[in-house]
C-alpha atoms as a PDB file:
ATOM      1  CA  MET A   1      21.216 104.520 -16.801  1.00  0.00           C
ATOM      2  CA  THR A   2      20.041 101.612 -14.806  1.00  0.00           C
ATOM      3  CA  VAL A   3      18.568  98.524 -16.451  1.00  0.00           C
ATOM      4  CA  HIS A   4      16.230  96.545 -14.514  1.00  0.00           C
ATOM      5  CA  LYS A   5      16.107  92.914 -15.441  1.00  0.00           C
ATOM      6  CA  GLU A   6      12.481  91.575 -15.029  1.00  0.00           C
ATOM      7  CA  SER A   7      12.079  88.165 -14.085  1.00  0.00           C
ATOM      8  CA  SER A   8      10.125  85.991 -16.480  1.00  0.00           C
ATOM      9  CA  PRO A   9       6.877  84.512 -15.218  1.00  0.00           C
ATOM     10  CA  PRO A  10       7.103  80.819 -14.185  1.00  0.00           C
ATOM     11  CA  ALA A  11       6.312  78.508 -16.981  1.00  0.00           C
ATOM     12  CA  SER A  12       2.745  77.681 -16.966  1.00  0.00           C
ATOM     13  CA  ASP A  13       3.310  74.099 -17.730  1.00  0.00           C
ATOM     14  CA  ARG A  14       5.533  73.391 -14.645  1.00  0.00           C
ATOM     15  CA  ILE A  15       4.676  72.742 -11.095  1.00  0.00           C
ATOM     16  CA  ASN A  16       6.791  74.718  -8.760  1.00  0.00           C
ATOM     17  CA  LEU A  17       6.753  72.932  -5.221  1.00  0.00           C
ATOM     18  CA  ALA A  18       8.903  75.632  -3.699  1.00  0.00           C
ATOM     19  CA  ASP A  19       6.239  78.239  -4.388  1.00  0.00           C
ATOM     20  CA  GLN A  20       3.217  77.926  -2.215  1.00  0.00           C
ATOM     21  CA  ALA A  21       0.894  80.067  -4.349  1.00  0.00           C
ATOM     22  CA  ASN A  22       1.864  77.927  -7.384  1.00  0.00           C
ATOM     23  CA  LEU A  23       1.477  74.670  -5.471  1.00  0.00           C
ATOM     24  CA  ASP A  24      -1.946  75.945  -4.212  1.00  0.00           C
ATOM     25  CA  ASN A  25      -3.011  76.843  -7.780  1.00  0.00           C
ATOM     26  CA  TRP A  26      -2.140  73.330  -9.095  1.00  0.00           C
ATOM     27  CA  CYS A  27      -3.889  71.571  -6.112  1.00  0.00           C
ATOM     28  CA  LYS A  28      -7.043  73.548  -6.786  1.00  0.00           C
ATOM     29  CA  ARG A  29      -6.621  73.007 -10.657  1.00  0.00           C
ATOM     30  CA  LEU A  30      -6.112  69.269 -10.410  1.00  0.00           C
ATOM     31  CA  ASN A  31      -8.477  68.730  -7.404  1.00  0.00           C
ATOM     32  CA  VAL A  32      -5.936  67.051  -5.339  1.00  0.00           C
ATOM     33  CA  THR A  33      -4.295  67.466  -1.818  1.00  0.00           C
ATOM     34  CA  GLU A  34      -0.756  69.038  -1.540  1.00  0.00           C
ATOM     35  CA  MET A  35       0.454  65.646  -0.461  1.00  0.00           C
ATOM     36  CA  GLN A  36      -0.923  64.011  -3.664  1.00  0.00           C
ATOM     37  CA  LEU A  37       0.422  66.607  -5.780  1.00  0.00           C
ATOM     38  CA  ARG A  38       3.830  66.330  -4.158  1.00  0.00           C
ATOM     39  CA  ASP A  39       3.770  62.561  -4.625  1.00  0.00           C
ATOM     40  CA  ALA A  40       2.757  62.815  -8.102  1.00  0.00           C
ATOM     41  CA  VAL A  41       5.746  65.245  -8.987  1.00  0.00           C
ATOM     42  CA  ALA A  42       8.121  62.929  -7.302  1.00  0.00           C
ATOM     43  CA  GLU A  43       6.997  60.092  -9.418  1.00  0.00           C
ATOM     44  CA  VAL A  44       6.816  61.793 -12.875  1.00  0.00           C
ATOM     45  CA  GLY A  45       8.576  65.191 -12.618  1.00  0.00           C
ATOM     46  CA  ASP A  46       7.167  68.659 -12.615  1.00  0.00           C
ATOM     47  CA  GLN A  47       5.655  68.911 -16.037  1.00  0.00           C
ATOM     48  CA  ALA A  48       1.863  69.684 -15.395  1.00  0.00           C
ATOM     49  CA  GLY A  49       0.705  67.374 -18.244  1.00  0.00           C
ATOM     50  CA  ASP A  50       2.531  64.360 -16.991  1.00  0.00           C
ATOM     51  CA  VAL A  51       1.411  65.079 -13.326  1.00  0.00           C
ATOM     52  CA  GLU A  52      -2.244  65.385 -14.633  1.00  0.00           C
ATOM     53  CA  MET A  53      -2.040  62.040 -16.648  1.00  0.00           C
ATOM     54  CA  HIS A  54      -0.298  60.278 -13.487  1.00  0.00           C
ATOM     55  CA  LEU A  55      -3.094  61.677 -11.177  1.00  0.00           C
ATOM     56  CA  LYS A  56      -5.855  60.655 -13.539  1.00  0.00           C
ATOM     57  CA  GLY A  57      -4.380  57.192 -13.832  1.00  0.00           C
ATOM     58  CA  THR A  58      -4.303  56.781 -10.044  1.00  0.00           C
ATOM     59  CA  ARG A  59      -7.926  57.902  -9.661  1.00  0.00           C
ATOM     60  CA  SER A  60      -9.528  55.887 -12.554  1.00  0.00           C
ATOM     61  CA  SER A  61     -11.788  52.923 -11.780  1.00  0.00           C
ATOM     62  CA  THR A  62     -10.776  49.472 -12.877  1.00  0.00           C
ATOM     63  CA  ASN A  63     -12.473  47.901 -15.819  1.00  0.00           C
ATOM     64  CA  ASP A  64     -14.225  45.333 -13.428  1.00  0.00           C
ATOM     65  CA  ASP A  65     -15.932  48.365 -11.771  1.00  0.00           C
ATOM     66  CA  LYS A  66     -17.019  49.682 -15.042  1.00  0.00           C
ATOM     67  CA  VAL A  67     -18.651  46.291 -16.071  1.00  0.00           C
ATOM     68  CA  GLU A  68     -20.265  45.877 -12.704  1.00  0.00           C
ATOM     69  CA  ARG A  69     -22.034  49.276 -13.040  1.00  0.00           C
ATOM     70  CA  THR A  70     -23.608  48.434 -16.489  1.00  0.00           C
ATOM     71  CA  SER A  71     -24.866  44.930 -15.332  1.00  0.00           C
END
């Protein structure tokens, strides 16, 4: 009797830069380029939540920009 060990699916909360399909999916989900995603993972690690927060922080406008728009 042969037992086939099934590989578990990749953790959905991690970004796997070695898997092009996973990388493409995260680029699309986070609306970033591959280079932006790779840079973010290098900065904060492969946890998707950490990467998302990091990317949001780098794209947010400054408070001065917000004040200027309301004036």
